[in-house]
Full PDB file with SEQRES, HELIX, SHEET, SSBOND, CRYST1, ORIGX, SCALE, CONECT and MASTER records, all heavy atoms in Angstrom:
SEQRES   1 A   43  LEU ASP ASN LEU LEU ARG GLY TRP ALA LEU GLN TYR GLY          
SEQRES   2 A   43  PRO ARG THR ALA LEU ALA HIS GLY ASP THR ARG ILE THR          
SEQRES   3 A   43  TYR ALA ALA LEU ASN ARG ARG VAL GLY ARG MET ALA ALA          
SEQRES   4 A   43  GLY PHE ARG LEU                                              
HELIX    1 AA1 ASP A    2  TYR A   12  1                                  11    
HELIX    2 AA2 TYR A   27  ARG A   42  1                                  16    
SHEET    1 AA1 2 THR A  16  HIS A  20  0                                        
SHEET    2 AA1 2 THR A  23  THR A  26 -1                                        
CRYST1    1.000    1.000    1.000  90.00  90.00  90.00 P 1           1          
ORIGX1      1.000000  0.000000  0.000000        0.00000                         
ORIGX2      0.000000  1.000000  0.000000        0.00000                         
ORIGX3      0.000000  0.000000  1.000000        0.00000                         
SCALE1      1.000000  0.000000  0.000000        0.00000                         
SCALE2      0.000000  1.000000  0.000000        0.00000                         
SCALE3      0.000000  0.000000  1.000000        0.00000                         
ATOM      1  N   LEU A   1      -5.015  27.830 139.478  1.00  0.00           N  
ATOM      2  CA  LEU A   1      -4.115  27.913 140.624  1.00  0.00           C  
ATOM      3  C   LEU A   1      -2.674  27.676 140.205  1.00  0.00           C  
ATOM      4  O   LEU A   1      -1.742  28.279 140.754  1.00  0.00           O  
ATOM      5  CB  LEU A   1      -4.549  26.905 141.697  1.00  0.00           C  
ATOM      6  CG  LEU A   1      -5.913  27.174 142.343  1.00  0.00           C  
ATOM      7  CD1 LEU A   1      -6.278  26.054 143.308  1.00  0.00           C  
ATOM      8  CD2 LEU A   1      -5.941  28.519 143.053  1.00  0.00           C  
ATOM      9  N   ASP A   2      -2.468  26.820 139.209  1.00  0.00           N  
ATOM     10  CA  ASP A   2      -1.110  26.569 138.727  1.00  0.00           C  
ATOM     11  C   ASP A   2      -0.530  27.809 138.062  1.00  0.00           C  
ATOM     12  O   ASP A   2       0.636  28.159 138.290  1.00  0.00           O  
ATOM     13  CB  ASP A   2      -1.106  25.389 137.752  1.00  0.00           C  
ATOM     14  CG  ASP A   2       0.277  25.152 137.167  1.00  0.00           C  
ATOM     15  OD1 ASP A   2       1.244  25.084 137.945  1.00  0.00           O  
ATOM     16  OD2 ASP A   2       0.396  25.069 135.928  1.00  0.00           O  
ATOM     17  N   ASN A   3      -1.318  28.499 137.251  1.00  0.00           N  
ATOM     18  CA  ASN A   3      -0.815  29.729 136.644  1.00  0.00           C  
ATOM     19  C   ASN A   3      -0.528  30.783 137.696  1.00  0.00           C  
ATOM     20  O   ASN A   3       0.423  31.566 137.561  1.00  0.00           O  
ATOM     21  CB  ASN A   3      -1.817  30.268 135.618  1.00  0.00           C  
ATOM     22  CG  ASN A   3      -1.733  29.548 134.293  1.00  0.00           C  
ATOM     23  OD1 ASN A   3      -0.724  28.921 133.978  1.00  0.00           O  
ATOM     24  ND2 ASN A   3      -2.798  29.617 133.507  1.00  0.00           N  
ATOM     25  N   LEU A   4      -1.340  30.817 138.738  1.00  0.00           N  
ATOM     26  CA  LEU A   4      -1.060  31.742 139.834  1.00  0.00           C  
ATOM     27  C   LEU A   4       0.286  31.428 140.471  1.00  0.00           C  
ATOM     28  O   LEU A   4       1.068  32.339 140.779  1.00  0.00           O  
ATOM     29  CB  LEU A   4      -2.173  31.676 140.874  1.00  0.00           C  
ATOM     30  CG  LEU A   4      -3.518  32.299 140.459  1.00  0.00           C  
ATOM     31  CD1 LEU A   4      -4.576  32.031 141.519  1.00  0.00           C  
ATOM     32  CD2 LEU A   4      -3.378  33.798 140.222  1.00  0.00           C  
ATOM     33  N   LEU A   5       0.586  30.140 140.683  1.00  0.00           N  
ATOM     34  CA  LEU A   5       1.877  29.765 141.258  1.00  0.00           C  
ATOM     35  C   LEU A   5       3.030  30.240 140.377  1.00  0.00           C  
ATOM     36  O   LEU A   5       4.045  30.745 140.882  1.00  0.00           O  
ATOM     37  CB  LEU A   5       1.958  28.248 141.457  1.00  0.00           C  
ATOM     38  CG  LEU A   5       3.318  27.716 141.920  1.00  0.00           C  
ATOM     39  CD1 LEU A   5       3.729  28.317 143.259  1.00  0.00           C  
ATOM     40  CD2 LEU A   5       3.304  26.190 142.011  1.00  0.00           C  
ATOM     41  N   ARG A   6       2.899  30.082 139.072  1.00  0.00           N  
ATOM     42  CA  ARG A   6       3.954  30.569 138.168  1.00  0.00           C  
ATOM     43  C   ARG A   6       4.166  32.072 138.354  1.00  0.00           C  
ATOM     44  O   ARG A   6       5.309  32.557 138.369  1.00  0.00           O  
ATOM     45  CB  ARG A   6       3.579  30.262 136.724  1.00  0.00           C  
ATOM     46  CG  ARG A   6       3.464  28.776 136.390  1.00  0.00           C  
ATOM     47  CD  ARG A   6       2.963  28.592 134.960  1.00  0.00           C  
ATOM     48  NE  ARG A   6       2.554  27.237 134.680  1.00  0.00           N  
ATOM     49  CZ  ARG A   6       3.344  26.289 134.181  1.00  0.00           C  
ATOM     50  NH1 ARG A   6       4.614  26.577 133.933  1.00  0.00           N  
ATOM     51  NH2 ARG A   6       2.884  25.077 133.934  1.00  0.00           N  
ATOM     52  N   GLY A   7       3.059  32.807 138.501  1.00  0.00           N  
ATOM     53  CA  GLY A   7       3.173  34.244 138.712  1.00  0.00           C  
ATOM     54  C   GLY A   7       3.791  34.589 140.058  1.00  0.00           C  
ATOM     55  O   GLY A   7       4.607  35.517 140.157  1.00  0.00           O  
ATOM     56  N   TRP A   8       3.397  33.839 141.101  1.00  0.00           N  
ATOM     57  CA  TRP A   8       4.001  34.084 142.415  1.00  0.00           C  
ATOM     58  C   TRP A   8       5.509  33.849 142.378  1.00  0.00           C  
ATOM     59  O   TRP A   8       6.268  34.583 143.008  1.00  0.00           O  
ATOM     60  CB  TRP A   8       3.361  33.171 143.460  1.00  0.00           C  
ATOM     61  CG  TRP A   8       1.889  33.307 143.611  1.00  0.00           C  
ATOM     62  CD1 TRP A   8       1.125  34.420 143.342  1.00  0.00           C  
ATOM     63  CD2 TRP A   8       0.972  32.299 144.063  1.00  0.00           C  
ATOM     64  NE1 TRP A   8      -0.202  34.154 143.594  1.00  0.00           N  
ATOM     65  CE2 TRP A   8      -0.333  32.875 144.031  1.00  0.00           C  
ATOM     66  CE3 TRP A   8       1.119  30.976 144.493  1.00  0.00           C  
ATOM     67  CZ2 TRP A   8      -1.464  32.149 144.423  1.00  0.00           C  
ATOM     68  CZ3 TRP A   8      -0.004  30.266 144.875  1.00  0.00           C  
ATOM     69  CH2 TRP A   8      -1.278  30.836 144.843  1.00  0.00           C  
ATOM     70  N   ALA A   9       5.944  32.836 141.641  1.00  0.00           N  
ATOM     71  CA  ALA A   9       7.381  32.538 141.560  1.00  0.00           C  
ATOM     72  C   ALA A   9       8.138  33.696 140.933  1.00  0.00           C  
ATOM     73  O   ALA A   9       9.267  34.010 141.339  1.00  0.00           O  
ATOM     74  CB  ALA A   9       7.603  31.258 140.764  1.00  0.00           C  
ATOM     75  N   LEU A  10       7.542  34.337 139.940  1.00  0.00           N  
ATOM     76  CA  LEU A  10       8.181  35.490 139.306  1.00  0.00           C  
ATOM     77  C   LEU A  10       8.167  36.709 140.225  1.00  0.00           C  
ATOM     78  O   LEU A  10       9.147  37.451 140.315  1.00  0.00           O  
ATOM     79  CB  LEU A  10       7.473  35.823 137.996  1.00  0.00           C  
ATOM     80  CG  LEU A  10       7.622  34.813 136.854  1.00  0.00           C  
ATOM     81  CD1 LEU A  10       6.740  35.204 135.676  1.00  0.00           C  
ATOM     82  CD2 LEU A  10       9.078  34.717 136.408  1.00  0.00           C  
ATOM     83  N   GLN A  11       7.056  36.898 140.923  1.00  0.00           N  
ATOM     84  CA  GLN A  11       6.897  38.094 141.745  1.00  0.00           C  
ATOM     85  C   GLN A  11       7.637  38.017 143.067  1.00  0.00           C  
ATOM     86  O   GLN A  11       8.206  39.017 143.530  1.00  0.00           O  
ATOM     87  CB  GLN A  11       5.402  38.327 142.004  1.00  0.00           C  
ATOM     88  CG  GLN A  11       5.093  39.628 142.720  1.00  0.00           C  
ATOM     89  CD  GLN A  11       3.593  39.872 142.828  1.00  0.00           C  
ATOM     90  OE1 GLN A  11       2.784  39.065 142.363  1.00  0.00           O  
ATOM     91  NE2 GLN A  11       3.203  40.994 143.427  1.00  0.00           N  
ATOM     92  N   TYR A  12       7.640  36.820 143.689  1.00  0.00           N  
ATOM     93  CA  TYR A  12       8.200  36.683 145.035  1.00  0.00           C  
ATOM     94  C   TYR A  12       9.384  35.714 145.097  1.00  0.00           C  
ATOM     95  O   TYR A  12       9.735  35.241 146.178  1.00  0.00           O  
ATOM     96  CB  TYR A  12       7.117  36.163 145.995  1.00  0.00           C  
ATOM     97  CG  TYR A  12       5.809  36.900 145.954  1.00  0.00           C  
ATOM     98  CD1 TYR A  12       4.620  36.235 145.659  1.00  0.00           C  
ATOM     99  CD2 TYR A  12       5.738  38.264 146.227  1.00  0.00           C  
ATOM    100  CE1 TYR A  12       3.398  36.904 145.639  1.00  0.00           C  
ATOM    101  CE2 TYR A  12       4.523  38.951 146.204  1.00  0.00           C  
ATOM    102  CZ  TYR A  12       3.361  38.252 145.900  1.00  0.00           C  
ATOM    103  OH  TYR A  12       2.166  38.921 145.875  1.00  0.00           O  
ATOM    104  N   GLY A  13       9.998  35.410 143.944  1.00  0.00           N  
ATOM    105  CA  GLY A  13      10.979  34.341 143.795  1.00  0.00           C  
ATOM    106  C   GLY A  13      11.858  33.991 144.974  1.00  0.00           C  
ATOM    107  O   GLY A  13      11.825  32.846 145.461  1.00  0.00           O  
ATOM    108  N   PRO A  14      12.670  34.925 145.517  1.00  0.00           N  
ATOM    109  CA  PRO A  14      13.599  34.538 146.595  1.00  0.00           C  
ATOM    110  C   PRO A  14      12.986  34.497 147.986  1.00  0.00           C  
ATOM    111  O   PRO A  14      13.651  34.093 148.936  1.00  0.00           O  
ATOM    112  CB  PRO A  14      14.674  35.635 146.513  1.00  0.00           C  
ATOM    113  CG  PRO A  14      13.949  36.832 145.985  1.00  0.00           C  
ATOM    114  CD  PRO A  14      12.902  36.301 145.048  1.00  0.00           C  
ATOM    115  N   ARG A  15      11.745  34.898 148.122  1.00  0.00           N  
ATOM    116  CA  ARG A  15      11.109  34.903 149.438  1.00  0.00           C  
ATOM    117  C   ARG A  15      10.773  33.469 149.864  1.00  0.00           C  
ATOM    118  O   ARG A  15      10.555  32.590 149.028  1.00  0.00           O  
ATOM    119  CB  ARG A  15       9.848  35.756 149.432  1.00  0.00           C  
ATOM    120  CG  ARG A  15      10.104  37.232 149.181  1.00  0.00           C  
ATOM    121  CD  ARG A  15       8.815  38.045 149.292  1.00  0.00           C  
ATOM    122  NE  ARG A  15       8.235  37.912 150.623  1.00  0.00           N  
ATOM    123  CZ  ARG A  15       8.592  38.631 151.694  1.00  0.00           C  
ATOM    124  NH1 ARG A  15       9.530  39.562 151.567  1.00  0.00           N  
ATOM    125  NH2 ARG A  15       8.017  38.444 152.865  1.00  0.00           N  
ATOM    126  N   THR A  16      10.692  33.242 151.169  1.00  0.00           N  
ATOM    127  CA  THR A  16      10.364  31.913 151.676  1.00  0.00           C  
ATOM    128  C   THR A  16       8.862  31.677 151.555  1.00  0.00           C  
ATOM    129  O   THR A  16       8.059  32.412 152.133  1.00  0.00           O  
ATOM    130  CB  THR A  16      10.784  31.760 153.141  1.00  0.00           C  
ATOM    131  OG1 THR A  16      12.199  31.944 153.246  1.00  0.00           O  
ATOM    132  CG2 THR A  16      10.419  30.381 153.680  1.00  0.00           C  
ATOM    133  N   ALA A  17       8.503  30.635 150.811  1.00  0.00           N  
ATOM    134  CA  ALA A  17       7.095  30.269 150.648  1.00  0.00           C  
ATOM    135  C   ALA A  17       6.652  29.297 151.735  1.00  0.00           C  
ATOM    136  O   ALA A  17       5.600  29.474 152.348  1.00  0.00           O  
ATOM    137  CB  ALA A  17       6.868  29.654 149.270  1.00  0.00           C  
ATOM    138  N   LEU A  18       7.459  28.257 151.976  1.00  0.00           N  
ATOM    139  CA  LEU A  18       7.100  27.199 152.912  1.00  0.00           C  
ATOM    140  C   LEU A  18       8.220  26.992 153.924  1.00  0.00           C  
ATOM    141  O   LEU A  18       9.402  26.980 153.558  1.00  0.00           O  
ATOM    142  CB  LEU A  18       6.851  25.881 152.167  1.00  0.00           C  
ATOM    143  CG  LEU A  18       5.831  25.886 151.027  1.00  0.00           C  
ATOM    144  CD1 LEU A  18       5.774  24.509 150.362  1.00  0.00           C  
ATOM    145  CD2 LEU A  18       4.446  26.296 151.527  1.00  0.00           C  
ATOM    146  N   ALA A  19       7.835  26.804 155.172  1.00  0.00           N  
ATOM    147  CA  ALA A  19       8.789  26.486 156.233  1.00  0.00           C  
ATOM    148  C   ALA A  19       8.261  25.289 157.012  1.00  0.00           C  
ATOM    149  O   ALA A  19       7.063  25.211 157.313  1.00  0.00           O  
ATOM    150  CB  ALA A  19       8.990  27.675 157.167  1.00  0.00           C  
ATOM    151  N   HIS A  20       9.175  24.359 157.306  1.00  0.00           N  
ATOM    152  CA  HIS A  20       8.798  23.161 158.059  1.00  0.00           C  
ATOM    153  C   HIS A  20      10.038  22.683 158.795  1.00  0.00           C  
ATOM    154  O   HIS A  20      10.971  22.170 158.182  1.00  0.00           O  
ATOM    155  CB  HIS A  20       8.290  22.073 157.113  1.00  0.00           C  
ATOM    156  CG  HIS A  20       7.946  20.781 157.799  1.00  0.00           C  
ATOM    157  ND1 HIS A  20       8.751  19.667 157.724  1.00  0.00           N  
ATOM    158  CD2 HIS A  20       6.895  20.438 158.587  1.00  0.00           C  
ATOM    159  CE1 HIS A  20       8.204  18.680 158.414  1.00  0.00           C  
ATOM    160  NE2 HIS A  20       7.080  19.123 158.945  1.00  0.00           N  
ATOM    161  N   GLY A  21      10.066  22.880 160.130  1.00  0.00           N  
ATOM    162  CA  GLY A  21      11.282  22.557 160.867  1.00  0.00           C  
ATOM    163  C   GLY A  21      12.439  23.392 160.339  1.00  0.00           C  
ATOM    164  O   GLY A  21      12.355  24.620 160.270  1.00  0.00           O  
ATOM    165  N   ASP A  22      13.517  22.728 159.930  1.00  0.00           N  
ATOM    166  CA  ASP A  22      14.677  23.436 159.383  1.00  0.00           C  
ATOM    167  C   ASP A  22      14.584  23.641 157.880  1.00  0.00           C  
ATOM    168  O   ASP A  22      15.481  24.255 157.282  1.00  0.00           O  
ATOM    169  CB  ASP A  22      15.960  22.653 159.695  1.00  0.00           C  
ATOM    170  CG  ASP A  22      16.246  22.595 161.182  1.00  0.00           C  
ATOM    171  OD1 ASP A  22      15.854  23.542 161.900  1.00  0.00           O  
ATOM    172  OD2 ASP A  22      16.845  21.596 161.637  1.00  0.00           O  
ATOM    173  N   THR A  23      13.536  23.143 157.259  1.00  0.00           N  
ATOM    174  CA  THR A  23      13.391  23.243 155.803  1.00  0.00           C  
ATOM    175  C   THR A  23      12.816  24.599 155.410  1.00  0.00           C  
ATOM    176  O   THR A  23      11.852  25.078 156.020  1.00  0.00           O  
ATOM    177  CB  THR A  23      12.468  22.126 155.272  1.00  0.00           C  
ATOM    178  OG1 THR A  23      13.043  20.868 155.590  1.00  0.00           O  
ATOM    179  CG2 THR A  23      12.269  22.244 153.769  1.00  0.00           C  
ATOM    180  N   ARG A  24      13.405  25.219 154.384  1.00  0.00           N  
ATOM    181  CA  ARG A  24      12.909  26.463 153.820  1.00  0.00           C  
ATOM    182  C   ARG A  24      12.836  26.292 152.304  1.00  0.00           C  
ATOM    183  O   ARG A  24      13.793  25.845 151.676  1.00  0.00           O  
ATOM    184  CB  ARG A  24      13.840  27.639 154.137  1.00  0.00           C  
ATOM    185  CG  ARG A  24      13.969  27.954 155.622  1.00  0.00           C  
ATOM    186  CD  ARG A  24      12.674  28.561 156.154  1.00  0.00           C  
ATOM    187  NE  ARG A  24      12.784  28.977 157.542  1.00  0.00           N  
ATOM    188  CZ  ARG A  24      12.608  28.166 158.583  1.00  0.00           C  
ATOM    189  NH1 ARG A  24      12.330  26.886 158.377  1.00  0.00           N  
ATOM    190  NH2 ARG A  24      12.711  28.617 159.812  1.00  0.00           N  
ATOM    191  N   ILE A  25      11.699  26.629 151.710  1.00  0.00           N  
ATOM    192  CA  ILE A  25      11.529  26.520 150.260  1.00  0.00           C  
ATOM    193  C   ILE A  25      11.067  27.879 149.747  1.00  0.00           C  
ATOM    194  O   ILE A  25      10.033  28.399 150.182  1.00  0.00           O  
ATOM    195  CB  ILE A  25      10.496  25.437 149.885  1.00  0.00           C  
ATOM    196  CG1 ILE A  25      10.943  24.079 150.428  1.00  0.00           C  
ATOM    197  CG2 ILE A  25      10.300  25.370 148.370  1.00  0.00           C  
ATOM    198  CD1 ILE A  25       9.936  22.970 150.191  1.00  0.00           C  
ATOM    199  N   THR A  26      11.819  28.456 148.828  1.00  0.00           N  
ATOM    200  CA  THR A  26      11.442  29.745 148.257  1.00  0.00           C  
ATOM    201  C   THR A  26      10.344  29.561 147.220  1.00  0.00           C  
ATOM    202  O   THR A  26      10.064  28.447 146.770  1.00  0.00           O  
ATOM    203  CB  THR A  26      12.647  30.422 147.583  1.00  0.00           C  
ATOM    204  OG1 THR A  26      13.033  29.644 146.436  1.00  0.00           O  
ATOM    205  CG2 THR A  26      13.823  30.553 148.546  1.00  0.00           C  
ATOM    206  N   TYR A  27       9.753  30.677 146.818  1.00  0.00           N  
ATOM    207  CA  TYR A  27       8.717  30.626 145.789  1.00  0.00           C  
ATOM    208  C   TYR A  27       9.277  30.079 144.480  1.00  0.00           C  
ATOM    209  O   TYR A  27       8.628  29.274 143.797  1.00  0.00           O  
ATOM    210  CB  TYR A  27       8.114  32.015 145.573  1.00  0.00           C  
ATOM    211  CG  TYR A  27       7.081  32.391 146.602  1.00  0.00           C  
ATOM    212  CD1 TYR A  27       7.448  32.912 147.844  1.00  0.00           C  
ATOM    213  CD2 TYR A  27       5.730  32.227 146.341  1.00  0.00           C  
ATOM    214  CE1 TYR A  27       6.495  33.258 148.790  1.00  0.00           C  
ATOM    215  CE2 TYR A  27       4.761  32.567 147.284  1.00  0.00           C  
ATOM    216  CZ  TYR A  27       5.154  33.076 148.509  1.00  0.00           C  
ATOM    217  OH  TYR A  27       4.212  33.399 149.445  1.00  0.00           O  
ATOM    218  N   ALA A  28      10.478  30.520 144.121  1.00  0.00           N  
ATOM    219  CA  ALA A  28      11.084  30.040 142.880  1.00  0.00           C  
ATOM    220  C   ALA A  28      11.350  28.544 142.956  1.00  0.00           C  
ATOM    221  O   ALA A  28      11.079  27.796 142.001  1.00  0.00           O  
ATOM    222  CB  ALA A  28      12.380  30.799 142.593  1.00  0.00           C  
ATOM    223  N   ALA A  29      11.877  28.078 144.094  1.00  0.00           N  
ATOM    224  CA  ALA A  29      12.167  26.651 144.252  1.00  0.00           C  
ATOM    225  C   ALA A  29      10.882  25.831 144.270  1.00  0.00           C  
ATOM    226  O   ALA A  29      10.828  24.725 143.720  1.00  0.00           O  
ATOM    227  CB  ALA A  29      12.971  26.417 145.527  1.00  0.00           C  
ATOM    228  N   LEU A  30       9.828  26.366 144.904  1.00  0.00           N  
ATOM    229  CA  LEU A  30       8.543  25.669 144.926  1.00  0.00           C  
ATOM    230  C   LEU A  30       8.028  25.464 143.503  1.00  0.00           C  
ATOM    231  O   LEU A  30       7.598  24.357 143.138  1.00  0.00           O  
ATOM    232  CB  LEU A  30       7.537  26.469 145.751  1.00  0.00           C  
ATOM    233  CG  LEU A  30       6.085  25.962 145.759  1.00  0.00           C  
ATOM    234  CD1 LEU A  30       5.998  24.555 146.323  1.00  0.00           C  
ATOM    235  CD2 LEU A  30       5.193  26.922 146.551  1.00  0.00           C  
ATOM    236  N   ASN A  31       8.088  26.493 142.698  1.00  0.00           N  
ATOM    237  CA  ASN A  31       7.612  26.384 141.320  1.00  0.00           C  
ATOM    238  C   ASN A  31       8.444  25.381 140.522  1.00  0.00           C  
ATOM    239  O   ASN A  31       7.906  24.588 139.740  1.00  0.00           O  
ATOM    240  CB  ASN A  31       7.657  27.759 140.651  1.00  0.00           C  
ATOM    241  CG  ASN A  31       7.054  27.748 139.269  1.00  0.00           C  
ATOM    242  OD1 ASN A  31       5.919  27.326 139.073  1.00  0.00           O  
ATOM    243  ND2 ASN A  31       7.820  28.190 138.293  1.00  0.00           N  
ATOM    244  N   ARG A  32       9.762  25.379 140.734  1.00  0.00           N  
ATOM    245  CA  ARG A  32      10.627  24.418 140.027  1.00  0.00           C  
ATOM    246  C   ARG A  32      10.297  22.986 140.445  1.00  0.00           C  
ATOM    247  O   ARG A  32      10.205  22.087 139.596  1.00  0.00           O  
ATOM    248  CB  ARG A  32      12.107  24.709 140.305  1.00  0.00           C  
ATOM    249  CG  ARG A  32      12.653  25.927 139.573  1.00  0.00           C  
ATOM    250  CD  ARG A  32      14.170  25.952 139.608  1.00  0.00           C  
ATOM    251  NE  ARG A  32      14.696  25.997 140.980  1.00  0.00           N  
ATOM    252  CZ  ARG A  32      14.933  27.113 141.646  1.00  0.00           C  
ATOM    253  NH1 ARG A  32      14.676  28.304 141.081  1.00  0.00           N  
ATOM    254  NH2 ARG A  32      15.425  27.087 142.872  1.00  0.00           N  
ATOM    255  N   ARG A  33      10.134  22.773 141.742  1.00  0.00           N  
ATOM    256  CA  ARG A  33       9.834  21.421 142.224  1.00  0.00           C  
ATOM    257  C   ARG A  33       8.482  20.938 141.715  1.00  0.00           C  
ATOM    258  O   ARG A  33       8.316  19.764 141.366  1.00  0.00           O  
ATOM    259  CB  ARG A  33       9.880  21.390 143.758  1.00  0.00           C  
ATOM    260  CG  ARG A  33      11.303  21.534 144.298  1.00  0.00           C  
ATOM    261  CD  ARG A  33      11.351  21.624 145.805  1.00  0.00           C  
ATOM    262  NE  ARG A  33      10.909  20.399 146.479  1.00  0.00           N  
ATOM    263  CZ  ARG A  33      11.045  20.195 147.777  1.00  0.00           C  
ATOM    264  NH1 ARG A  33      11.634  21.119 148.532  1.00  0.00           N  
ATOM    265  NH2 ARG A  33      10.622  19.075 148.331  1.00  0.00           N  
ATOM    266  N   VAL A  34       7.523  21.839 141.663  1.00  0.00           N  
ATOM    267  CA  VAL A  34       6.205  21.486 141.138  1.00  0.00           C  
ATOM    268  C   VAL A  34       6.320  21.076 139.674  1.00  0.00           C  
ATOM    269  O   VAL A  34       5.731  20.072 139.245  1.00  0.00           O  
ATOM    270  CB  VAL A  34       5.224  22.659 141.307  1.00  0.00           C  
ATOM    271  CG1 VAL A  34       3.976  22.470 140.442  1.00  0.00           C  
ATOM    272  CG2 VAL A  34       4.824  22.810 142.777  1.00  0.00           C  
ATOM    273  N   GLY A  35       7.084  21.834 138.886  1.00  0.00           N  
ATOM    274  CA  GLY A  35       7.234  21.512 137.471  1.00  0.00           C  
ATOM    275  C   GLY A  35       7.889  20.171 137.240  1.00  0.00           C  
ATOM    276  O   GLY A  35       7.458  19.398 136.370  1.00  0.00           O  
ATOM    277  N   ARG A  36       8.910  19.874 137.998  1.00  0.00           N  
ATOM    278  CA  ARG A  36       9.621  18.608 137.803  1.00  0.00           C  
ATOM    279  C   ARG A  36       8.804  17.420 138.313  1.00  0.00           C  
ATOM    280  O   ARG A  36       8.808  16.350 137.713  1.00  0.00           O  
ATOM    281  CB  ARG A  36      10.988  18.671 138.486  1.00  0.00           C  
ATOM    282  CG  ARG A  36      11.921  19.722 137.871  1.00  0.00           C  
ATOM    283  CD  ARG A  36      13.340  19.609 138.407  1.00  0.00           C  
ATOM    284  NE  ARG A  36      13.989  18.389 137.941  1.00  0.00           N  
ATOM    285  CZ  ARG A  36      14.628  18.280 136.782  1.00  0.00           C  
ATOM    286  NH1 ARG A  36      14.690  19.299 135.937  1.00  0.00           N  
ATOM    287  NH2 ARG A  36      15.219  17.144 136.458  1.00  0.00           N  
ATOM    288  N   MET A  37       8.074  17.615 139.424  1.00  0.00           N  
ATOM    289  CA  MET A  37       7.220  16.527 139.903  1.00  0.00           C  
ATOM    290  C   MET A  37       6.055  16.301 138.943  1.00  0.00           C  
ATOM    291  O   MET A  37       5.671  15.144 138.687  1.00  0.00           O  
ATOM    292  CB  MET A  37       6.701  16.827 141.307  1.00  0.00           C  
ATOM    293  CG  MET A  37       5.867  15.682 141.889  1.00  0.00           C  
ATOM    294  SD  MET A  37       5.193  16.015 143.548  1.00  0.00           S  
ATOM    295  CE  MET A  37       6.665  15.802 144.558  1.00  0.00           C  
ATOM    296  N   ALA A  38       5.483  17.362 138.401  1.00  0.00           N  
ATOM    297  CA  ALA A  38       4.388  17.216 137.451  1.00  0.00           C  
ATOM    298  C   ALA A  38       4.826  16.394 136.249  1.00  0.00           C  
ATOM    299  O   ALA A  38       4.104  15.492 135.789  1.00  0.00           O  
ATOM    300  CB  ALA A  38       3.885  18.588 137.007  1.00  0.00           C  
ATOM    301  N   ALA A  39       6.013  16.688 135.734  1.00  0.00           N  
ATOM    302  CA  ALA A  39       6.524  15.904 134.609  1.00  0.00           C  
ATOM    303  C   ALA A  39       6.741  14.455 135.003  1.00  0.00           C  
ATOM    304  O   ALA A  39       6.510  13.534 134.203  1.00  0.00           O  
ATOM    305  CB  ALA A  39       7.836  16.527 134.101  1.00  0.00           C  
ATOM    306  N   GLY A  40       7.172  14.237 136.253  1.00  0.00           N  
ATOM    307  CA  GLY A  40       7.343  12.869 136.736  1.00  0.00           C  
ATOM    308  C   GLY A  40       6.029  12.123 136.825  1.00  0.00           C  
ATOM    309  O   GLY A  40       5.947  10.937 136.487  1.00  0.00           O  
ATOM    310  N   PHE A  41       4.977  12.809 137.269  1.00  0.00           N  
ATOM    311  CA  PHE A  41       3.648  12.175 137.302  1.00  0.00           C  
ATOM    312  C   PHE A  41       3.218  11.770 135.894  1.00  0.00           C  
ATOM    313  O   PHE A  41       2.683  10.677 135.687  1.00  0.00           O  
ATOM    314  CB  PHE A  41       2.609  13.129 137.899  1.00  0.00           C  
ATOM    315  CG  PHE A  41       2.566  13.144 139.398  1.00  0.00           C  
ATOM    316  CD1 PHE A  41       2.648  14.345 140.108  1.00  0.00           C  
ATOM    317  CD2 PHE A  41       2.398  11.974 140.122  1.00  0.00           C  
ATOM    318  CE1 PHE A  41       2.591  14.360 141.491  1.00  0.00           C  
ATOM    319  CE2 PHE A  41       2.329  11.971 141.506  1.00  0.00           C  
ATOM    320  CZ  PHE A  41       2.429  13.181 142.195  1.00  0.00           C  
ATOM    321  N   ARG A  42       3.427  12.650 134.940  1.00  0.00           N  
ATOM    322  CA  ARG A  42       3.043  12.341 133.561  1.00  0.00           C  
ATOM    323  C   ARG A  42       3.858  11.160 133.028  1.00  0.00           C  
ATOM    324  O   ARG A  42       3.314  10.270 132.356  1.00  0.00           O  
ATOM    325  CB  ARG A  42       3.259  13.561 132.661  1.00  0.00           C  
ATOM    326  CG  ARG A  42       2.464  14.783 133.046  1.00  0.00           C  
ATOM    327  CD  ARG A  42       1.044  14.751 132.558  1.00  0.00           C  
ATOM    328  NE  ARG A  42       0.948  14.772 131.107  1.00  0.00           N  
ATOM    329  CZ  ARG A  42      -0.197  14.765 130.445  1.00  0.00           C  
ATOM    330  NH1 ARG A  42      -1.346  14.714 131.118  1.00  0.00           N  
ATOM    331  NH2 ARG A  42      -0.227  14.800 129.137  1.00  0.00           N  
ATOM    332  N   LEU A  43       5.154  11.138 133.355  1.00  0.00           N  
ATOM    333  CA  LEU A  43       6.017  10.047 132.902  1.00  0.00           C  
ATOM    334  C   LEU A  43       5.567   8.717 133.493  1.00  0.00           C  
ATOM    335  O   LEU A  43       5.705   7.663 132.856  1.00  0.00           O  
ATOM    336  CB  LEU A  43       7.466  10.339 133.308  1.00  0.00           C  
ATOM    337  CG  LEU A  43       8.539   9.368 132.794  1.00  0.00           C  
ATOM    338  CD1 LEU A  43       8.634   9.441 131.266  1.00  0.00           C  
ATOM    339  CD2 LEU A  43       9.896   9.710 133.414  1.00  0.00           C  
TER     340      LEU A  43                                                      
MASTER        0    0    0    2    2    0    0    6  339    1    0    4          
END                                                                             
């Protein structure tokens, strides 16, 4: 599923992946946030 997310970020990068109230997160931003949080979990 993680590799799929990386592919979605490349394919759909600027599109909105998640919406919650006034918050909008694109596919590219979602993948970046996942990568940085994953590294934080490991740290």
